[in-house]
Amino acid sequence: MSRLARITTDPTICHGQPVVRGLRYPVRFLLELLAGGMSIDDILEDYPDLERDDILAALEFGALTAGGHVVPLGAA
């Protein structure tokens, strides 16, 4: 089930960046929170106007727009 309908763009909101449900939460910001180690529950606690499906929509959008580019990360 796709949640992409929750992702919107509007030139008057966050300079046209993709955001969740027209709110001022850019997808990139939410992905950065997750990448920084916050859990979905942590984000929902800090930003109560967001819903779990909003975070999942941001993840889905990020996965679809990654463009298949692989960035070398150095030896582990």
PDB file of N, CA and C in Angstrom:
ATOM      1  N   MET A   1       0.844  -1.179   0.000  1.00  0.00           N
ATOM      2  CA  MET A   1       0.000   0.000   0.000  1.00  0.00           C
ATOM      3  C   MET A   1       0.889   1.242   0.000  1.00  0.00           C
ATOM      4  N   SER A   2       0.754   2.026  -1.007  1.00  0.00           N
ATOM      5  CA  SER A   2       1.553   3.239  -1.129  1.00  0.00           C
ATOM      6  C   SER A   2       0.980   4.357  -0.262  1.00  0.00           C
ATOM      7  N   ARG A   3       1.883   5.093   0.337  1.00  0.00           N
ATOM      8  CA  ARG A   3       1.493   6.242   1.158  1.00  0.00           C
ATOM      9  C   ARG A   3       1.938   7.548   0.509  1.00  0.00           C
ATOM     10  N   LEU A   4       2.344   7.489  -0.751  1.00  0.00           N
ATOM     11  CA  LEU A   4       2.913   8.661  -1.412  1.00  0.00           C
ATOM     12  C   LEU A   4       1.946   9.828  -1.536  1.00  0.00           C
ATOM     13  N   ALA A   5       0.653   9.590  -1.454  1.00  0.00           N
ATOM     14  CA  ALA A   5      -0.315  10.689  -1.531  1.00  0.00           C
ATOM     15  C   ALA A   5      -0.132  11.662  -0.366  1.00  0.00           C
ATOM     16  N   ARG A   6       0.540  11.232   0.692  1.00  0.00           N
ATOM     17  CA  ARG A   6       0.791  12.102   1.843  1.00  0.00           C
ATOM     18  C   ARG A   6       1.911  13.104   1.567  1.00  0.00           C
ATOM     19  N   ILE A   7       2.694  12.878   0.531  1.00  0.00           N
ATOM     20  CA  ILE A   7       3.805  13.763   0.202  1.00  0.00           C
ATOM     21  C   ILE A   7       3.308  14.784  -0.817  1.00  0.00           C
ATOM     22  N   THR A   8       3.488  16.055  -0.486  1.00  0.00           N
ATOM     23  CA  THR A   8       3.011  17.127  -1.366  1.00  0.00           C
ATOM     24  C   THR A   8       4.130  18.131  -1.616  1.00  0.00           C
ATOM     25  N   THR A   9       3.950  18.904  -2.658  1.00  0.00           N
ATOM     26  CA  THR A   9       4.850  20.024  -2.923  1.00  0.00           C
ATOM     27  C   THR A   9       4.002  21.248  -3.229  1.00  0.00           C
ATOM     28  N   ASP A  10       4.459  22.372  -2.741  1.00  0.00           N
ATOM     29  CA  ASP A  10       3.777  23.643  -2.949  1.00  0.00           C
ATOM     30  C   ASP A  10       4.860  24.714  -2.876  1.00  0.00           C
ATOM     31  N   PRO A  11       4.977  25.533  -3.916  1.00  0.00           N
ATOM     32  CA  PRO A  11       6.047  26.536  -3.905  1.00  0.00           C
ATOM     33  C   PRO A  11       5.972  27.502  -2.725  1.00  0.00           C
ATOM     34  N   THR A  12       4.822  27.601  -2.073  1.00  0.00           N
ATOM     35  CA  THR A  12       4.690  28.523  -0.947  1.00  0.00           C
ATOM     36  C   THR A  12       4.984  27.860   0.406  1.00  0.00           C
ATOM     37  N   ILE A  13       5.244  26.559   0.392  1.00  0.00           N
ATOM     38  CA  ILE A  13       5.546  25.836   1.629  1.00  0.00           C
ATOM     39  C   ILE A  13       6.959  25.258   1.521  1.00  0.00           C
ATOM     40  N   CYS A  14       7.828  25.681   2.411  1.00  0.00           N
ATOM     41  CA  CYS A  14       9.215  25.179   2.471  1.00  0.00           C
ATOM     42  C   CYS A  14       9.903  25.266   1.106  1.00  0.00           C
ATOM     43  N   HIS A  15       9.656  26.363   0.400  1.00  0.00           N
ATOM     44  CA  HIS A  15      10.309  26.631  -0.889  1.00  0.00           C
ATOM     45  C   HIS A  15      10.090  25.514  -1.906  1.00  0.00           C
ATOM     46  N   GLY A  16       8.947  24.845  -1.818  1.00  0.00           N
ATOM     47  CA  GLY A  16       8.613  23.814  -2.798  1.00  0.00           C
ATOM     48  C   GLY A  16       9.219  22.451  -2.534  1.00  0.00           C
ATOM     49  N   GLN A  17       9.885  22.290  -1.399  1.00  0.00           N
ATOM     50  CA  GLN A  17      10.433  20.976  -1.062  1.00  0.00           C
ATOM     51  C   GLN A  17       9.285  20.002  -0.809  1.00  0.00           C
ATOM     52  N   PRO A  18       9.502  18.713  -1.071  1.00  0.00           N
ATOM     53  CA  PRO A  18       8.478  17.726  -0.720  1.00  0.00           C
ATOM     54  C   PRO A  18       8.276  17.712   0.796  1.00  0.00           C
ATOM     55  N   VAL A  19       7.029  17.832   1.205  1.00  0.00           N
ATOM     56  CA  VAL A  19       6.672  17.845   2.628  1.00  0.00           C
ATOM     57  C   VAL A  19       5.564  16.833   2.880  1.00  0.00           C
ATOM     58  N   VAL A  20       5.296  16.587   4.145  1.00  0.00           N
ATOM     59  CA  VAL A  20       4.246  15.657   4.534  1.00  0.00           C
ATOM     60  C   VAL A  20       2.931  16.413   4.724  1.00  0.00           C
ATOM     61  N   ARG A  21       1.924  16.002   3.978  1.00  0.00           N
ATOM     62  CA  ARG A  21       0.542  16.519   4.088  1.00  0.00           C
ATOM     63  C   ARG A  21       0.434  18.032   4.096  1.00  0.00           C
ATOM     64  N   GLY A  22       1.317  18.713   3.407  1.00  0.00           N
ATOM     65  CA  GLY A  22       1.248  20.172   3.359  1.00  0.00           C
ATOM     66  C   GLY A  22       1.737  20.838   4.629  1.00  0.00           C
ATOM     67  N   LEU A  23       2.179  20.051   5.584  1.00  0.00           N
ATOM     68  CA  LEU A  23       2.744  20.597   6.816  1.00  0.00           C
ATOM     69  C   LEU A  23       4.173  21.062   6.521  1.00  0.00           C
ATOM     70  N   ARG A  24       4.754  21.745   7.425  1.00  0.00           N
ATOM     71  CA  ARG A  24       6.107  22.260   7.216  1.00  0.00           C
ATOM     72  C   ARG A  24       7.164  21.289   7.736  1.00  0.00           C
ATOM     73  N   TYR A  25       7.004  20.042   7.355  1.00  0.00           N
ATOM     74  CA  TYR A  25       7.975  18.997   7.676  1.00  0.00           C
ATOM     75  C   TYR A  25       8.515  18.429   6.372  1.00  0.00           C
ATOM     76  N   PRO A  26       9.649  18.940   5.905  1.00  0.00           N
ATOM     77  CA  PRO A  26      10.219  18.390   4.674  1.00  0.00           C
ATOM     78  C   PRO A  26      10.591  16.918   4.833  1.00  0.00           C
ATOM     79  N   VAL A  27      10.398  16.169   3.778  1.00  0.00           N
ATOM     80  CA  VAL A  27      10.762  14.756   3.770  1.00  0.00           C
ATOM     81  C   VAL A  27      12.226  14.605   4.175  1.00  0.00           C
ATOM     82  N   ARG A  28      13.080  15.436   3.636  1.00  0.00           N
ATOM     83  CA  ARG A  28      14.513  15.345   3.942  1.00  0.00           C
ATOM     84  C   ARG A  28      14.768  15.464   5.449  1.00  0.00           C
ATOM     85  N   PHE A  29      14.082  16.369   6.118  1.00  0.00           N
ATOM     86  CA  PHE A  29      14.230  16.544   7.562  1.00  0.00           C
ATOM     87  C   PHE A  29      13.874  15.261   8.305  1.00  0.00           C
ATOM     88  N   LEU A  30      12.758  14.645   7.924  1.00  0.00           N
ATOM     89  CA  LEU A  30      12.334  13.418   8.592  1.00  0.00           C
ATOM     90  C   LEU A  30      13.323  12.288   8.345  1.00  0.00           C
ATOM     91  N   LEU A  31      13.835  12.197   7.133  1.00  0.00           N
ATOM     92  CA  LEU A  31      14.830  11.168   6.832  1.00  0.00           C
ATOM     93  C   LEU A  31      16.116  11.404   7.615  1.00  0.00           C
ATOM     94  N   GLU A  32      16.488  12.661   7.787  1.00  0.00           N
ATOM     95  CA  GLU A  32      17.683  12.971   8.569  1.00  0.00           C
ATOM     96  C   GLU A  32      17.498  12.592  10.041  1.00  0.00           C
ATOM     97  N   LEU A  33      16.297  12.795  10.575  1.00  0.00           N
ATOM     98  CA  LEU A  33      16.028  12.381  11.954  1.00  0.00           C
ATOM     99  C   LEU A  33      16.184  10.868  12.100  1.00  0.00           C
ATOM    100  N   LEU A  34      15.626  10.127  11.149  1.00  0.00           N
ATOM    101  CA  LEU A  34      15.736   8.669  11.185  1.00  0.00           C
ATOM    102  C   LEU A  34      17.184   8.228  11.022  1.00  0.00           C
ATOM    103  N   ALA A  35      17.890   8.841  10.095  1.00  0.00           N
ATOM    104  CA  ALA A  35      19.297   8.489   9.871  1.00  0.00           C
ATOM    105  C   ALA A  35      20.153   8.818  11.088  1.00  0.00           C
ATOM    106  N   GLY A  36      19.736   9.812  11.851  1.00  0.00           N
ATOM    107  CA  GLY A  36      20.455  10.204  13.047  1.00  0.00           C
ATOM    108  C   GLY A  36      20.176   9.306  14.246  1.00  0.00           C
ATOM    109  N   GLY A  37      19.290   8.345  14.077  1.00  0.00           N
ATOM    110  CA  GLY A  37      19.051   7.382  15.140  1.00  0.00           C
ATOM    111  C   GLY A  37      17.720   7.497  15.849  1.00  0.00           C
ATOM    112  N   MET A  38      16.921   8.487  15.508  1.00  0.00           N
ATOM    113  CA  MET A  38      15.602   8.581  16.147  1.00  0.00           C
ATOM    114  C   MET A  38      14.700   7.482  15.600  1.00  0.00           C
ATOM    115  N   SER A  39      13.896   6.932  16.472  1.00  0.00           N
ATOM    116  CA  SER A  39      12.911   5.942  16.032  1.00  0.00           C
ATOM    117  C   SER A  39      11.654   6.679  15.567  1.00  0.00           C
ATOM    118  N   ILE A  40      10.794   5.950  14.905  1.00  0.00           N
ATOM    119  CA  ILE A  40       9.522   6.536  14.493  1.00  0.00           C
ATOM    120  C   ILE A  40       8.765   7.031  15.723  1.00  0.00           C
ATOM    121  N   ASP A  41       8.767   6.237  16.780  1.00  0.00           N
ATOM    122  CA  ASP A  41       8.062   6.641  18.002  1.00  0.00           C
ATOM    123  C   ASP A  41       8.668   7.903  18.612  1.00  0.00           C
ATOM    124  N   ASP A  42      10.008   8.035  18.562  1.00  0.00           N
ATOM    125  CA  ASP A  42      10.663   9.251  19.055  1.00  0.00           C
ATOM    126  C   ASP A  42      10.182  10.478  18.282  1.00  0.00           C
ATOM    127  N   ILE A  43      10.130  10.345  16.974  1.00  0.00           N
ATOM    128  CA  ILE A  43       9.713  11.468  16.125  1.00  0.00           C
ATOM    129  C   ILE A  43       8.263  11.832  16.414  1.00  0.00           C
ATOM    130  N   LEU A  44       7.411  10.831  16.528  1.00  0.00           N
ATOM    131  CA  LEU A  44       5.990  11.093  16.798  1.00  0.00           C
ATOM    132  C   LEU A  44       5.793  11.752  18.151  1.00  0.00           C
ATOM    133  N   GLU A  45       6.632  11.417  19.106  1.00  0.00           N
ATOM    134  CA  GLU A  45       6.541  12.039  20.427  1.00  0.00           C
ATOM    135  C   GLU A  45       6.962  13.505  20.363  1.00  0.00           C
ATOM    136  N   ASP A  46       8.022  13.788  19.596  1.00  0.00           N
ATOM    137  CA  ASP A  46       8.517  15.165  19.482  1.00  0.00           C
ATOM    138  C   ASP A  46       7.661  16.042  18.570  1.00  0.00           C
ATOM    139  N   TYR A  47       6.985  15.432  17.611  1.00  0.00           N
ATOM    140  CA  TYR A  47       6.185  16.167  16.618  1.00  0.00           C
ATOM    141  C   TYR A  47       4.779  15.555  16.570  1.00  0.00           C
ATOM    142  N   PRO A  48       3.923  15.897  17.541  1.00  0.00           N
ATOM    143  CA  PRO A  48       2.624  15.219  17.684  1.00  0.00           C
ATOM    144  C   PRO A  48       1.642  15.426  16.533  1.00  0.00           C
ATOM    145  N   ASP A  49       1.879  16.398  15.665  1.00  0.00           N
ATOM    146  CA  ASP A  49       0.967  16.561  14.528  1.00  0.00           C
ATOM    147  C   ASP A  49       1.300  15.611  13.385  1.00  0.00           C
ATOM    148  N   LEU A  50       2.390  14.852  13.518  1.00  0.00           N
ATOM    149  CA  LEU A  50       2.721  13.830  12.529  1.00  0.00           C
ATOM    150  C   LEU A  50       2.071  12.509  12.915  1.00  0.00           C
ATOM    151  N   GLU A  51       1.871  11.671  11.902  1.00  0.00           N
ATOM    152  CA  GLU A  51       1.311  10.338  12.095  1.00  0.00           C
ATOM    153  C   GLU A  51       2.313   9.309  11.592  1.00  0.00           C
ATOM    154  N   ARG A  52       2.204   8.090  12.093  1.00  0.00           N
ATOM    155  CA  ARG A  52       3.115   7.016  11.686  1.00  0.00           C
ATOM    156  C   ARG A  52       3.170   6.884  10.159  1.00  0.00           C
ATOM    157  N   ASP A  53       2.020   6.959   9.499  1.00  0.00           N
ATOM    158  CA  ASP A  53       1.996   6.846   8.036  1.00  0.00           C
ATOM    159  C   ASP A  53       2.747   7.995   7.362  1.00  0.00           C
ATOM    160  N   ASP A  54       2.864   9.128   8.015  1.00  0.00           N
ATOM    161  CA  ASP A  54       3.646  10.242   7.457  1.00  0.00           C
ATOM    162  C   ASP A  54       5.120   9.858   7.377  1.00  0.00           C
ATOM    163  N   ILE A  55       5.626   9.243   8.438  1.00  0.00           N
ATOM    164  CA  ILE A  55       7.028   8.834   8.470  1.00  0.00           C
ATOM    165  C   ILE A  55       7.268   7.739   7.439  1.00  0.00           C
ATOM    166  N   LEU A  56       6.347   6.795   7.359  1.00  0.00           N
ATOM    167  CA  LEU A  56       6.482   5.724   6.370  1.00  0.00           C
ATOM    168  C   LEU A  56       6.401   6.268   4.953  1.00  0.00           C
ATOM    169  N   ALA A  57       5.590   7.291   4.739  1.00  0.00           N
ATOM    170  CA  ALA A  57       5.514   7.936   3.421  1.00  0.00           C
ATOM    171  C   ALA A  57       6.841   8.599   3.081  1.00  0.00           C
ATOM    172  N   ALA A  58       7.469   9.238   4.055  1.00  0.00           N
ATOM    173  CA  ALA A  58       8.769   9.872   3.827  1.00  0.00           C
ATOM    174  C   ALA A  58       9.816   8.821   3.457  1.00  0.00           C
ATOM    175  N   LEU A  59       9.792   7.687   4.135  1.00  0.00           N
ATOM    176  CA  LEU A  59      10.719   6.600   3.807  1.00  0.00           C
ATOM    177  C   LEU A  59      10.469   6.070   2.395  1.00  0.00           C
ATOM    178  N   GLU A  60       9.213   5.887   2.057  1.00  0.00           N
ATOM    179  CA  GLU A  60       8.871   5.401   0.722  1.00  0.00           C
ATOM    180  C   GLU A  60       9.327   6.397  -0.344  1.00  0.00           C
ATOM    181  N   PHE A  61       9.066   7.675  -0.112  1.00  0.00           N
ATOM    182  CA  PHE A  61       9.471   8.713  -1.059  1.00  0.00           C
ATOM    183  C   PHE A  61      10.985   8.725  -1.206  1.00  0.00           C
ATOM    184  N   GLY A  62      11.697   8.650  -0.090  1.00  0.00           N
ATOM    185  CA  GLY A  62      13.155   8.634  -0.133  1.00  0.00           C
ATOM    186  C   GLY A  62      13.693   7.453  -0.909  1.00  0.00           C
ATOM    187  N   ALA A  63      13.105   6.289  -0.711  1.00  0.00           N
ATOM    188  CA  ALA A  63      13.547   5.097  -1.420  1.00  0.00           C
ATOM    189  C   ALA A  63      13.309   5.224  -2.922  1.00  0.00           C
ATOM    190  N   LEU A  64      12.179   5.802  -3.297  1.00  0.00           N
ATOM    191  CA  LEU A  64      11.853   5.923  -4.719  1.00  0.00           C
ATOM    192  C   LEU A  64      12.654   7.009  -5.422  1.00  0.00           C
ATOM    193  N   THR A  65      13.103   7.998  -4.681  1.00  0.00           N
ATOM    194  CA  THR A  65      13.812   9.110  -5.315  1.00  0.00           C
ATOM    195  C   THR A  65      15.318   9.015  -5.155  1.00  0.00           C
ATOM    196  N   ALA A  66      15.805   7.943  -4.574  1.00  0.00           N
ATOM    197  CA  ALA A  66      17.252   7.782  -4.392  1.00  0.00           C
ATOM    198  C   ALA A  66      17.962   7.650  -5.734  1.00  0.00           C
ATOM    199  N   GLY A  67      17.244   7.281  -6.758  1.00  0.00           N
ATOM    200  CA  GLY A  67      17.810   7.223  -8.095  1.00  0.00           C
ATOM    201  C   GLY A  67      18.768   6.077  -8.334  1.00  0.00           C
ATOM    202  N   GLY A  68      18.845   5.155  -7.410  1.00  0.00           N
ATOM    203  CA  GLY A  68      19.717   4.011  -7.600  1.00  0.00           C
ATOM    204  C   GLY A  68      21.187   4.333  -7.510  1.00  0.00           C
ATOM    205  N   HIS A  69      21.525   5.510  -7.028  1.00  0.00           N
ATOM    206  CA  HIS A  69      22.927   5.890  -6.901  1.00  0.00           C
ATOM    207  C   HIS A  69      23.528   5.246  -5.653  1.00  0.00           C
ATOM    208  N   VAL A  70      24.684   4.655  -5.825  1.00  0.00           N
ATOM    209  CA  VAL A  70      25.388   4.063  -4.711  1.00  0.00           C
ATOM    210  C   VAL A  70      26.594   4.920  -4.405  1.00  0.00           C
ATOM    211  N   VAL A  71      26.718   5.313  -3.164  1.00  0.00           N
ATOM    212  CA  VAL A  71      27.832   6.151  -2.743  1.00  0.00           C
ATOM    213  C   VAL A  71      28.836   5.278  -2.010  1.00  0.00           C
ATOM    214  N   PRO A  72      30.089   5.219  -2.484  1.00  0.00           N
ATOM    215  CA  PRO A  72      31.091   4.412  -1.772  1.00  0.00           C
ATOM    216  C   PRO A  72      31.320   4.959  -0.366  1.00  0.00           C
ATOM    217  N   LEU A  73      31.317   4.088   0.613  1.00  0.00           N
ATOM    218  CA  LEU A  73      31.400   4.516   2.000  1.00  0.00           C
ATOM    219  C   LEU A  73      32.740   4.178   2.659  1.00  0.00           C
ATOM    220  N   GLY A  74      33.704   3.690   1.957  1.00  0.00           N
ATOM    221  CA  GLY A  74      34.980   3.360   2.577  1.00  0.00           C
ATOM    222  C   GLY A  74      34.929   2.009   3.266  1.00  0.00           C
ATOM    223  N   ALA A  75      36.062   1.522   3.630  1.00  0.00           N
ATOM    224  CA  ALA A  75      36.159   0.186   4.234  1.00  0.00           C
ATOM    225  C   ALA A  75      35.585   0.197   5.639  1.00  0.00           C
ATOM    226  N   ALA A  76      34.880  -0.862   5.967  1.00  0.00           N
ATOM    227  CA  ALA A  76      34.295  -0.991   7.297  1.00  0.00           C
ATOM    228  C   ALA A  76      35.288  -1.570   8.274  1.00  0.00           C
TER     229      ALA A  76
END
